[in-house]
Amino acid sequence: MKPIGKELKMTIKKAVTEGGIVCGAESLDQRITTYKGIPYAAPPVGENRWKAPRPVQKWEGEKICDTYSKIPVQPKRKDGFWKREFYPLDLAHSEDCLYLNIWTPAQSTEDKLPVFVWIYGGGFEYGYSNSMYIDGHAFAKQGIVFVSVNYRVGLLGFFTDPLLDAENEDGNSGNWGIWDQIAAIKWVRRNIAAFGGDADNITIGGQSAGATSVQILTTTALTQDDIAGAIMQSGGGFYPFFDFPYRTKKDMQAKASLKEILGVETLEQARELSVEEILEGQRRLLEKDTLAYFPIVDGTILKEDINVAVKEGRVHNIPYIIGNTSEEQMFHIGTPKEKFIESARKNYGADAEEYLAAASTENQEAYAAMLFGLMSENLQQGVYDFAEFRAQQGGKDVFVYEFSRRLPGEDNIGAIHSADYFYTFQCLPYSRRDMRGVDFELARAMNKFWANFIKTANPNGDDLPHWPAYEQYNPMYMDLGEWQGKRPIRYNRRQFIRSKILQKLKK
């Protein structure tokens, strides 16, 4: 009789990085080693506040990486559905937050396993990598080195000001959180071989604001040749989120300044403020502009509107998975009709009345139906348009999906924004919901589709339904729900935003 564990090969427990030696921890699955809280840049504090990330500070000896870092500075989430469903814990935050986490099944630095880097969502105001739903075990079990990344959010992560422009060589400021993401990808490129990963086979993925980040990272020239593939869940496309076209540095600087928001006269004073004072300024700015912390065309990372880049083919020519959930109505859950109309008039200006007519807000019944489907239809249209433009331009394969599984529960909440998190990472046991067999089968299929794509640039496998790449004259998408299979794409009845974007891009 063979001793128990005799054939179990040991994974990498130590790795030599550019900052020093890091020590990982053995997982419950002994084939996988986890490294939590590896610094990929210097702390963005003091003089480094509102600056692109600086190189990591080297350390002596071995750094034990068995605990997550503190999360980026952000407001405490209010009690309610969203907190209960996805953010049940109140975690400590800190400006010293530029850390990443790694799950690796590699047995040697020579393994050269494919790498998956994940960027969280949260509207660029919230979010962190150490969520219980961003767990790399399922991907590591399939032979993938998984990396999750922290980046700055809110006022500390996305703010531009002439004072900040003046101290930068390129004369531009803002998008600090995107600079963090770029630094993390560059760190992975330089160091992932020490964890058994292949630096030339890095796929990046994200959901919501994370998906929008992925689209920025696959548009900017600063990451050219760093990324082999991309996955965008509920945030990428021809018009990510609401802000069409992307606002410029000039637009944002006209709205608010550090002096106005924080009551300071100099950068030195602004950098001496406490985190609590920063969050208070952040709250004041959000009262003026609900999209204050959305990435901008800054002239350095982004030199043009992403919609222009998509339309004219100036995005990375790599394979993509892109899609959304079928009921993205979380953006408007519980929003009174009057508030929705007020917001539309504020955001869409001269186009607001046409938008409201397309949205069908003439009565409460029509309004309720619109809330249920409008955001999903808009995001779907943007996904289809992205795939169509890539096909017209002869780009590499784009695989389109729609997540249609309605979350189980008496609240009948549906296939809402972020519901796919549980399934992407096979983290159903962490959900407060009573998941069923169909949920576990869908999670297995999704995780396998994603893993196949990361490994081969194609999601298909022998034990999965066939998922065709998007084709111009026979466009199909993969329905990821109680039933998984391909369906024909039918363009939606509401194309208001698309038509307005195209009009503006022609000017």
Protein backbone atom coordinates (compact mmCIF):
# COMPACT_ATOMS: atom_id res chain seq x y z
CA MET A 1 0.00 0.00 0.00
CA LYS A 2 1.36 3.41 -1.00
CA PRO A 3 1.66 6.07 1.72
CA ILE A 4 -1.04 8.74 1.55
CA GLY A 5 0.21 11.73 -0.42
CA LYS A 6 3.16 9.84 -1.89
CA GLU A 7 2.36 10.94 -5.45
CA LEU A 8 1.39 14.48 -4.53
CA LYS A 9 3.95 16.84 -5.98
CA MET A 10 4.73 19.99 -4.05
CA THR A 11 3.99 23.40 -5.52
CA ILE A 12 6.23 26.46 -5.37
CA LYS A 13 6.35 27.76 -1.79
CA LYS A 14 8.88 30.55 -2.28
CA ALA A 15 9.47 32.92 -5.15
CA VAL A 16 12.19 35.46 -5.88
CA THR A 17 10.67 38.73 -7.05
CA GLU A 18 12.25 42.08 -7.89
CA GLY A 19 11.38 43.29 -4.38
CA GLY A 20 12.74 40.25 -2.59
CA ILE A 21 11.78 36.72 -1.60
CA VAL A 22 8.10 36.01 -0.90
CA CYS A 23 6.77 32.95 0.93
CA GLY A 24 3.38 31.53 0.05
CA ALA A 25 0.93 29.42 2.04
CA GLU A 26 -0.31 25.94 1.27
CA SER A 27 -4.00 25.92 0.36
CA LEU A 28 -6.61 23.45 1.49
CA ASP A 29 -5.99 21.98 -1.94
CA GLN A 30 -2.33 21.08 -1.44
CA ARG A 31 -1.68 21.30 -5.17
CA ILE A 32 -2.10 25.08 -4.97
CA THR A 33 -0.01 27.72 -3.21
CA THR A 34 -1.42 31.13 -2.44
CA TYR A 35 0.50 34.38 -2.04
CA LYS A 36 -1.49 37.22 -0.50
CA GLY A 37 -0.37 40.82 -0.18
CA ILE A 38 2.63 40.99 -2.52
CA PRO A 39 3.59 44.66 -3.08
CA TYR A 40 3.89 45.55 -6.75
CA ALA A 41 4.66 49.26 -6.23
CA ALA A 42 5.69 51.68 -3.51
CA PRO A 43 2.90 52.88 -1.19
CA PRO A 44 1.09 55.84 -2.86
CA VAL A 45 1.21 57.96 0.29
CA GLY A 46 2.62 61.35 1.22
CA GLU A 47 4.47 62.76 -1.79
CA ASN A 48 3.27 59.79 -3.86
CA ARG A 49 -0.41 60.67 -3.41
CA TRP A 50 -1.88 61.46 -6.87
CA LYS A 51 1.16 60.19 -8.71
CA ALA A 52 1.74 57.23 -11.00
CA PRO A 53 2.98 54.27 -8.93
CA ARG A 54 6.67 54.20 -8.07
CA PRO A 55 8.84 51.04 -8.11
CA VAL A 56 8.35 48.63 -5.24
CA GLN A 57 10.56 49.16 -2.20
CA LYS A 58 12.95 46.21 -1.75
CA TRP A 59 13.04 44.30 1.52
CA GLU A 60 15.60 42.15 3.31
CA GLY A 61 15.02 38.49 4.08
CA GLU A 62 11.78 36.67 3.32
CA LYS A 63 8.35 38.31 3.27
CA ILE A 64 5.55 36.07 4.53
CA CYS A 65 2.62 36.59 2.14
CA ASP A 66 -0.24 34.76 3.81
CA THR A 67 -2.59 37.69 4.55
CA TYR A 68 -4.44 40.10 2.30
CA SER A 69 -3.45 43.74 2.41
CA LYS A 70 -5.90 46.43 3.48
CA ILE A 71 -8.33 47.49 0.80
CA PRO A 72 -8.08 50.82 -1.11
CA VAL A 73 -9.58 53.90 0.56
CA GLN A 74 -13.35 54.00 -0.02
CA PRO A 75 -16.56 54.94 1.80
CA LYS A 76 -18.25 52.39 4.00
CA ARG A 77 -21.03 50.74 2.04
CA LYS A 78 -24.56 51.45 3.20
CA ASP A 79 -26.64 48.58 4.48
CA GLY A 80 -28.95 47.19 1.84
CA PHE A 81 -29.26 44.67 -0.94
CA TRP A 82 -25.91 45.35 -2.57
CA LYS A 83 -23.95 45.09 0.67
CA ARG A 84 -25.76 41.93 1.80
CA GLU A 85 -25.32 40.24 -1.55
CA PHE A 86 -21.73 41.03 -2.49
CA TYR A 87 -19.93 43.00 0.25
CA PRO A 88 -21.07 41.54 3.59
CA LEU A 89 -17.88 42.51 5.45
CA ASP A 90 -16.59 45.94 6.47
CA LEU A 91 -12.86 45.71 5.83
CA ALA A 92 -10.15 48.14 6.94
CA HIS A 93 -8.86 50.45 4.23
CA SER A 94 -5.55 52.22 3.69
CA GLU A 95 -3.75 54.37 1.12
CA ASP A 96 -1.02 51.75 1.27
CA CYS A 97 -2.97 49.37 -0.97
CA LEU A 98 -0.90 48.53 -4.06
CA TYR A 99 -0.69 44.79 -3.56
CA LEU A 100 -1.63 41.71 -5.56
CA ASN A 101 -2.45 38.10 -4.78
CA ILE A 102 -1.42 34.93 -6.61
CA TRP A 103 -2.76 31.37 -6.74
CA THR A 104 -0.38 28.97 -8.49
CA PRO A 105 -0.47 25.22 -9.16
CA ALA A 106 3.03 25.30 -10.69
CA GLN A 107 5.55 22.74 -9.51
CA SER A 108 8.52 24.50 -11.07
CA THR A 109 9.53 27.91 -12.38
CA GLU A 110 9.91 26.14 -15.73
CA ASP A 111 6.20 25.23 -16.01
CA LYS A 112 5.22 28.38 -17.98
CA LEU A 113 1.52 28.11 -17.18
CA PRO A 114 -0.99 30.57 -18.67
CA VAL A 115 -1.76 33.59 -16.47
CA PHE A 116 -5.09 35.27 -15.67
CA VAL A 117 -5.04 38.77 -14.11
CA TRP A 118 -8.34 39.93 -12.60
CA ILE A 119 -9.46 43.57 -12.11
CA TYR A 120 -12.43 44.15 -9.80
CA GLY A 121 -15.45 46.37 -10.35
CA GLY A 122 -17.11 48.85 -8.03
CA GLY A 123 -17.85 51.89 -10.17
CA PHE A 124 -14.29 53.19 -9.67
CA GLU A 125 -15.37 54.34 -6.20
CA TYR A 126 -15.48 50.96 -4.45
CA GLY A 127 -13.91 47.53 -4.82
CA TYR A 128 -10.97 45.39 -3.73
CA SER A 129 -9.19 42.21 -4.73
CA ASN A 130 -9.66 40.26 -1.51
CA SER A 131 -13.37 39.66 -1.94
CA MET A 132 -14.50 36.15 -1.06
CA TYR A 133 -15.95 35.99 -4.58
CA ILE A 134 -12.58 36.63 -6.26
CA ASP A 135 -11.00 33.33 -5.38
CA GLY A 136 -8.36 31.90 -7.69
CA HIS A 137 -8.62 28.24 -6.67
CA ALA A 138 -10.98 27.18 -9.47
CA PHE A 139 -8.66 28.59 -12.14
CA ALA A 140 -5.52 27.25 -10.45
CA LYS A 141 -7.08 23.76 -10.39
CA GLN A 142 -7.25 24.01 -14.18
CA GLY A 143 -3.55 24.76 -14.54
CA ILE A 144 -3.70 28.56 -14.57
CA VAL A 145 -1.72 31.03 -12.46
CA PHE A 146 -4.36 33.45 -11.16
CA VAL A 147 -3.56 37.03 -10.06
CA SER A 148 -5.92 39.57 -8.45
CA VAL A 149 -4.89 43.21 -8.22
CA ASN A 150 -5.68 46.18 -5.97
CA TYR A 151 -5.84 49.67 -7.48
CA ARG A 152 -6.76 53.10 -6.18
CA VAL A 153 -10.39 54.22 -6.45
CA GLY A 154 -12.40 57.37 -5.82
CA LEU A 155 -10.79 60.76 -5.33
CA LEU A 156 -7.38 59.18 -4.74
CA GLY A 157 -7.63 57.04 -7.87
CA PHE A 158 -9.38 59.21 -10.45
CA PHE A 159 -8.93 62.96 -10.22
CA THR A 160 -7.30 65.51 -12.48
CA ASP A 161 -6.28 69.06 -11.67
CA PRO A 162 -4.02 71.74 -13.25
CA LEU A 163 -1.80 71.60 -10.15
CA LEU A 164 -1.25 67.90 -10.78
CA ASP A 165 -0.69 68.48 -14.51
CA ALA A 166 2.10 70.93 -13.73
CA GLU A 167 4.22 68.41 -11.82
CA ASN A 168 4.06 65.67 -14.47
CA GLU A 169 6.49 65.47 -17.38
CA ASP A 170 3.73 64.85 -19.91
CA GLY A 171 1.59 67.65 -18.49
CA ASN A 172 -1.32 65.29 -17.78
CA SER A 173 -2.94 63.97 -14.61
CA GLY A 174 -5.75 61.66 -13.54
CA ASN A 175 -6.46 57.96 -14.12
CA TRP A 176 -4.20 57.02 -11.20
CA GLY A 177 -6.08 53.76 -10.72
CA ILE A 178 -5.42 52.82 -14.35
CA TRP A 179 -1.74 53.65 -13.85
CA ASP A 180 -1.85 51.17 -10.95
CA GLN A 181 -3.34 48.48 -13.19
CA ILE A 182 -0.67 49.09 -15.83
CA ALA A 183 2.06 48.86 -13.18
CA ALA A 184 0.57 45.59 -11.92
CA ILE A 185 0.52 44.07 -15.41
CA LYS A 186 4.13 45.15 -15.97
CA TRP A 187 5.06 43.60 -12.61
CA VAL A 188 3.38 40.35 -13.60
CA ARG A 189 5.26 40.36 -16.90
CA ARG A 190 8.60 40.77 -15.10
CA ASN A 191 7.97 38.43 -12.17
CA ILE A 192 5.36 35.78 -12.94
CA ALA A 193 7.94 33.24 -14.17
CA ALA A 194 9.05 32.91 -10.52
CA PHE A 195 5.56 31.53 -9.80
CA GLY A 196 5.57 29.15 -12.77
CA GLY A 197 3.66 31.50 -15.09
CA ASP A 198 4.21 32.34 -18.75
CA ALA A 199 4.91 36.07 -19.12
CA ASP A 200 3.97 35.87 -22.80
CA ASN A 201 0.53 34.39 -22.15
CA ILE A 202 -1.31 36.84 -19.91
CA THR A 203 -5.08 37.21 -20.19
CA ILE A 204 -6.72 40.06 -18.31
CA GLY A 205 -10.32 40.04 -17.12
CA GLY A 206 -12.73 42.16 -15.15
CA GLN A 207 -16.35 42.83 -14.35
CA SER A 208 -18.30 46.13 -14.41
CA ALA A 209 -15.74 48.91 -13.78
CA GLY A 210 -13.15 46.14 -14.01
CA ALA A 211 -14.37 45.32 -17.53
CA THR A 212 -14.18 48.99 -18.48
CA SER A 213 -10.63 48.97 -17.12
CA VAL A 214 -9.85 45.93 -19.29
CA GLN A 215 -11.11 47.81 -22.32
CA ILE A 216 -8.88 50.79 -21.48
CA LEU A 217 -5.90 48.48 -20.99
CA THR A 218 -6.54 46.86 -24.38
CA THR A 219 -6.77 50.27 -26.03
CA THR A 220 -3.79 52.14 -24.61
CA ALA A 221 -0.44 51.78 -26.36
CA LEU A 222 1.23 51.53 -22.94
CA THR A 223 0.31 47.83 -22.66
CA GLN A 224 0.89 46.87 -26.28
CA ASP A 225 2.28 43.30 -26.45
CA ASP A 226 1.73 42.77 -22.69
CA ILE A 227 -1.71 41.18 -23.04
CA ALA A 228 -2.56 37.99 -24.95
CA GLY A 229 -6.33 37.98 -24.44
CA ALA A 230 -9.13 39.82 -22.62
CA ILE A 231 -12.43 39.02 -20.89
CA MET A 232 -14.97 41.79 -20.29
CA GLN A 233 -18.02 41.05 -18.12
CA SER A 234 -20.77 43.71 -18.01
CA GLY A 235 -18.70 46.79 -18.73
CA GLY A 236 -16.97 46.72 -22.10
CA GLY A 237 -18.19 47.42 -25.60
CA PHE A 238 -18.85 50.30 -27.93
CA TYR A 239 -20.06 52.49 -25.06
CA PRO A 240 -18.94 51.33 -21.61
CA PHE A 241 -21.35 52.47 -18.88
CA PHE A 242 -23.24 55.73 -19.31
CA ASP A 243 -20.54 58.19 -20.26
CA PHE A 244 -20.57 58.57 -24.01
CA PRO A 245 -18.26 59.71 -25.36
CA TYR A 246 -15.54 59.50 -22.69
CA ARG A 247 -15.01 62.81 -20.99
CA THR A 248 -11.72 64.60 -21.38
CA LYS A 249 -9.33 66.07 -18.86
CA LYS A 250 -10.61 69.53 -19.84
CA ASP A 251 -14.21 68.47 -19.18
CA MET A 252 -13.40 67.19 -15.70
CA GLN A 253 -11.17 70.07 -14.68
CA ALA A 254 -13.99 72.47 -15.59
CA LYS A 255 -16.25 70.70 -13.11
CA ALA A 256 -14.12 70.80 -9.96
CA SER A 257 -10.65 71.48 -8.57
CA LEU A 258 -8.68 70.30 -5.57
CA LYS A 259 -9.05 73.79 -4.13
CA GLU A 260 -12.83 73.70 -4.44
CA ILE A 261 -13.37 70.11 -3.30
CA LEU A 262 -10.79 69.95 -0.51
CA GLY A 263 -10.47 73.59 0.50
CA VAL A 264 -6.71 73.75 -0.05
CA GLU A 265 -4.46 76.20 -1.86
CA THR A 266 -1.50 73.97 -2.66
CA LEU A 267 -0.67 70.37 -3.44
CA GLU A 268 1.38 70.22 -0.27
CA GLN A 269 -1.72 71.00 1.77
CA ALA A 270 -3.78 68.47 -0.20
CA ARG A 271 -1.22 65.76 0.47
CA GLU A 272 -1.27 66.48 4.19
CA LEU A 273 -5.02 65.85 4.50
CA SER A 274 -6.20 62.76 6.34
CA VAL A 275 -8.00 59.92 4.62
CA GLU A 276 -11.20 61.02 6.38
CA GLU A 277 -10.87 64.52 4.90
CA ILE A 278 -10.29 63.01 1.46
CA LEU A 279 -13.47 60.92 1.77
CA GLU A 280 -15.45 63.98 2.82
CA GLY A 281 -14.22 65.82 -0.27
CA GLN A 282 -15.12 62.77 -2.34
CA ARG A 283 -18.68 62.89 -1.00
CA ARG A 284 -19.00 66.57 -1.90
CA LEU A 285 -17.79 65.96 -5.45
CA LEU A 286 -20.24 63.09 -5.98
CA GLU A 287 -23.09 65.46 -5.10
CA LYS A 288 -22.04 67.54 -8.12
CA ASP A 289 -21.24 64.70 -10.51
CA THR A 290 -22.28 61.05 -10.08
CA LEU A 291 -19.62 59.96 -12.60
CA ALA A 292 -16.82 62.00 -11.06
CA TYR A 293 -14.50 59.01 -10.74
CA PHE A 294 -14.88 57.57 -14.22
CA PRO A 295 -11.63 57.29 -16.26
CA ILE A 296 -11.01 60.09 -18.74
CA VAL A 297 -9.24 60.79 -22.00
CA ASP A 298 -6.14 62.14 -20.31
CA GLY A 299 -3.78 62.48 -23.27
CA THR A 300 -1.30 59.89 -22.02
CA ILE A 301 -3.03 56.59 -21.20
CA LEU A 302 -5.94 57.42 -23.48
CA LYS A 303 -5.28 59.77 -26.37
CA GLU A 304 -8.80 59.44 -27.78
CA ASP A 305 -12.32 58.36 -26.90
CA ILE A 306 -12.46 54.56 -26.64
CA ASN A 307 -15.54 54.56 -28.87
CA VAL A 308 -13.47 56.17 -31.62
CA ALA A 309 -10.72 53.60 -31.10
CA VAL A 310 -13.22 50.72 -31.37
CA LYS A 311 -14.93 52.14 -34.45
CA GLU A 312 -11.63 52.77 -36.24
CA GLY A 313 -9.84 49.60 -35.14
CA ARG A 314 -7.24 51.08 -32.82
CA VAL A 315 -7.59 48.45 -30.10
CA HIS A 316 -5.27 45.55 -29.37
CA ASN A 317 -5.73 42.81 -31.95
CA ILE A 318 -6.18 39.97 -29.47
CA PRO A 319 -9.03 37.51 -28.84
CA TYR A 320 -11.87 38.65 -26.57
CA ILE A 321 -14.72 37.25 -24.52
CA ILE A 322 -17.32 39.94 -23.95
CA GLY A 323 -20.87 39.93 -22.61
CA ASN A 324 -23.30 40.96 -19.90
CA THR A 325 -26.14 39.66 -17.76
CA SER A 326 -29.66 39.63 -19.15
CA GLU A 327 -31.08 41.86 -16.40
CA GLU A 328 -28.53 44.56 -15.62
CA GLN A 329 -31.21 46.60 -13.87
CA MET A 330 -29.16 46.97 -10.68
CA PHE A 331 -28.22 50.46 -11.83
CA HIS A 332 -31.81 51.61 -11.32
CA ILE A 333 -33.19 49.26 -8.64
CA GLY A 334 -35.66 51.29 -6.58
CA THR A 335 -34.96 54.57 -8.42
CA PRO A 336 -38.11 56.77 -8.41
CA LYS A 337 -39.28 57.79 -11.88
CA GLU A 338 -38.78 61.48 -11.12
CA LYS A 339 -35.17 60.84 -10.04
CA PHE A 340 -34.48 58.86 -13.20
CA ILE A 341 -35.84 61.67 -15.38
CA GLU A 342 -33.79 64.26 -13.48
CA SER A 343 -30.64 62.17 -13.92
CA ALA A 344 -31.28 61.67 -17.65
CA ARG A 345 -31.71 65.42 -18.21
CA LYS A 346 -28.52 66.09 -16.30
CA ASN A 347 -26.46 63.48 -18.17
CA TYR A 348 -27.87 63.74 -21.69
CA GLY A 349 -28.53 67.46 -22.04
CA ALA A 350 -30.14 68.30 -25.38
CA ASP A 351 -30.67 64.61 -26.10
CA ALA A 352 -32.49 63.91 -22.83
CA GLU A 353 -36.08 64.14 -24.11
CA GLU A 354 -35.35 61.79 -27.00
CA TYR A 355 -33.70 59.40 -24.56
CA LEU A 356 -36.65 59.51 -22.19
CA ALA A 357 -39.03 58.85 -25.07
CA ALA A 358 -36.97 55.80 -26.05
CA ALA A 359 -36.94 54.70 -22.42
CA SER A 360 -40.77 54.80 -22.20
CA THR A 361 -41.30 56.78 -19.01
CA GLU A 362 -44.82 58.01 -19.81
CA ASN A 363 -46.43 55.99 -17.00
CA GLN A 364 -45.41 53.97 -13.96
CA GLU A 365 -46.07 50.57 -15.55
CA ALA A 366 -44.00 51.41 -18.62
CA TYR A 367 -41.31 52.90 -16.39
CA ALA A 368 -41.06 49.70 -14.32
CA ALA A 369 -40.69 47.63 -17.47
CA MET A 370 -38.05 50.02 -18.78
CA LEU A 371 -36.00 49.74 -15.58
CA PHE A 372 -36.05 45.99 -15.97
CA GLY A 373 -34.61 45.96 -19.47
CA LEU A 374 -33.10 49.25 -20.56
CA MET A 375 -29.63 48.86 -19.10
CA SER A 376 -29.34 45.27 -20.32
CA GLU A 377 -30.41 46.25 -23.81
CA ASN A 378 -27.96 49.15 -23.92
CA LEU A 379 -25.08 46.99 -22.72
CA GLN A 380 -26.03 44.17 -25.09
CA GLN A 381 -26.07 46.58 -28.02
CA GLY A 382 -22.63 47.86 -27.07
CA VAL A 383 -21.30 44.29 -26.85
CA TYR A 384 -22.71 43.38 -30.26
CA ASP A 385 -21.35 46.56 -31.82
CA PHE A 386 -17.88 45.90 -30.40
CA ALA A 387 -17.89 42.40 -31.91
CA GLU A 388 -19.25 43.71 -35.21
CA PHE A 389 -16.55 46.37 -35.53
CA ARG A 390 -13.85 43.81 -34.74
CA ALA A 391 -15.25 41.46 -37.39
CA GLN A 392 -15.41 44.24 -39.99
CA GLN A 393 -11.78 45.08 -39.26
CA GLY A 394 -10.61 41.46 -39.60
CA GLY A 395 -9.61 41.25 -35.95
CA LYS A 396 -8.99 38.09 -33.96
CA ASP A 397 -11.95 36.14 -32.60
CA VAL A 398 -14.55 37.72 -30.34
CA PHE A 399 -16.76 35.38 -28.32
CA VAL A 400 -20.04 36.98 -27.19
CA TYR A 401 -22.17 35.73 -24.29
CA GLU A 402 -25.21 36.62 -22.22
CA PHE A 403 -25.56 35.40 -18.63
CA SER A 404 -29.27 34.61 -18.17
CA ARG A 405 -29.44 32.55 -14.97
CA ARG A 406 -31.84 34.26 -12.57
CA LEU A 407 -30.45 34.01 -9.05
CA PRO A 408 -32.51 31.60 -6.94
CA GLY A 409 -34.47 33.11 -4.08
CA GLU A 410 -37.89 34.38 -3.06
CA ASP A 411 -36.94 37.94 -3.99
CA ASN A 412 -36.96 36.93 -7.69
CA ILE A 413 -34.14 39.41 -8.27
CA GLY A 414 -33.12 37.95 -11.63
CA ALA A 415 -29.89 37.73 -13.62
CA ILE A 416 -28.69 41.02 -12.21
CA HIS A 417 -25.45 42.94 -12.61
CA SER A 418 -22.63 41.03 -10.84
CA ALA A 419 -24.64 37.79 -10.47
CA ASP A 420 -22.07 36.11 -12.72
CA TYR A 421 -19.31 36.61 -10.13
CA PHE A 422 -20.46 33.53 -8.21
CA TYR A 423 -20.23 31.42 -11.35
CA THR A 424 -17.04 32.74 -12.96
CA PHE A 425 -15.04 31.76 -9.86
CA GLN A 426 -17.16 28.75 -8.83
CA CYS A 427 -17.81 30.43 -5.47
CA LEU A 428 -21.45 29.40 -5.09
CA PRO A 429 -20.97 28.04 -1.54
CA TYR A 430 -20.05 31.58 -0.40
CA SER A 431 -23.36 33.03 -1.59
CA ARG A 432 -26.17 33.59 0.91
CA ARG A 433 -28.55 32.01 -1.63
CA ASP A 434 -29.69 28.41 -1.79
CA MET A 435 -27.88 27.42 -4.96
CA ARG A 436 -29.12 24.38 -6.86
CA GLY A 437 -27.68 21.70 -9.08
CA VAL A 438 -28.27 23.79 -12.21
CA ASP A 439 -26.20 26.58 -10.65
CA PHE A 440 -23.25 24.33 -9.94
CA GLU A 441 -23.38 22.92 -13.46
CA LEU A 442 -23.46 26.44 -14.95
CA ALA A 443 -20.54 27.50 -12.74
CA ARG A 444 -18.54 24.49 -13.88
CA ALA A 445 -19.27 25.29 -17.53
CA MET A 446 -18.46 29.00 -17.23
CA ASN A 447 -15.21 28.42 -15.37
CA LYS A 448 -14.22 25.82 -17.96
CA PHE A 449 -15.10 28.11 -20.89
CA TRP A 450 -13.02 30.89 -19.35
CA ALA A 451 -10.11 28.56 -18.56
CA ASN A 452 -10.05 27.14 -22.09
CA PHE A 453 -9.97 30.66 -23.51
CA ILE A 454 -7.10 31.64 -21.21
CA LYS A 455 -5.14 28.57 -22.29
CA THR A 456 -5.88 28.47 -26.02
CA ALA A 457 -7.65 31.72 -27.04
CA ASN A 458 -10.76 29.59 -27.64
CA PRO A 459 -13.39 28.72 -24.99
CA ASN A 460 -14.46 25.45 -26.58
CA GLY A 461 -13.81 21.99 -25.14
CA ASP A 462 -14.98 18.42 -25.61
CA ASP A 463 -17.37 18.44 -22.65
CA LEU A 464 -18.98 21.83 -23.43
CA PRO A 465 -21.57 23.05 -25.93
CA HIS A 466 -20.01 24.64 -29.00
CA TRP A 467 -19.44 28.41 -28.71
CA PRO A 468 -18.83 29.97 -32.14
CA ALA A 469 -16.85 33.17 -32.55
CA TYR A 470 -18.83 36.18 -33.73
CA GLU A 471 -19.40 36.27 -37.49
CA GLN A 472 -20.71 39.28 -39.43
CA TYR A 473 -23.36 37.46 -41.42
CA ASN A 474 -24.30 34.79 -38.90
CA PRO A 475 -23.80 36.42 -35.49
CA MET A 476 -24.27 34.08 -32.52
CA TYR A 477 -23.85 34.38 -28.77
CA MET A 478 -23.53 31.81 -26.00
CA ASP A 479 -26.48 31.74 -23.62
CA LEU A 480 -25.15 31.01 -20.13
CA GLY A 481 -28.18 30.09 -18.06
CA GLU A 482 -30.13 27.05 -16.97
CA TRP A 483 -29.48 25.91 -20.52
CA GLN A 484 -26.14 26.61 -22.21
CA GLY A 485 -25.95 26.87 -25.97
CA LYS A 486 -25.58 29.21 -28.92
CA ARG A 487 -28.38 31.54 -29.99
CA PRO A 488 -28.68 34.00 -32.90
CA ILE A 489 -28.05 37.65 -32.08
CA ARG A 490 -31.06 39.91 -32.59
CA TYR A 491 -30.25 43.57 -32.39
CA ASN A 492 -32.32 45.35 -29.79
CA ARG A 493 -35.22 47.71 -30.20
CA ARG A 494 -33.49 50.53 -28.34
CA GLN A 495 -30.45 51.85 -30.20
CA PHE A 496 -30.69 55.44 -29.02
CA ILE A 497 -27.27 55.62 -27.38
CA ARG A 498 -25.58 53.90 -30.33
CA SER A 499 -27.10 56.35 -32.82
CA LYS A 500 -26.07 59.33 -30.70
CA ILE A 501 -22.52 58.08 -30.35
CA LEU A 502 -22.18 57.58 -34.08
CA GLN A 503 -23.56 61.08 -34.69
CA LYS A 504 -21.08 62.61 -32.25
CA LEU A 505 -18.15 60.65 -33.64
CA LYS A 506 -18.88 62.05 -37.10
CA LYS A 507 -18.54 65.63 -35.89
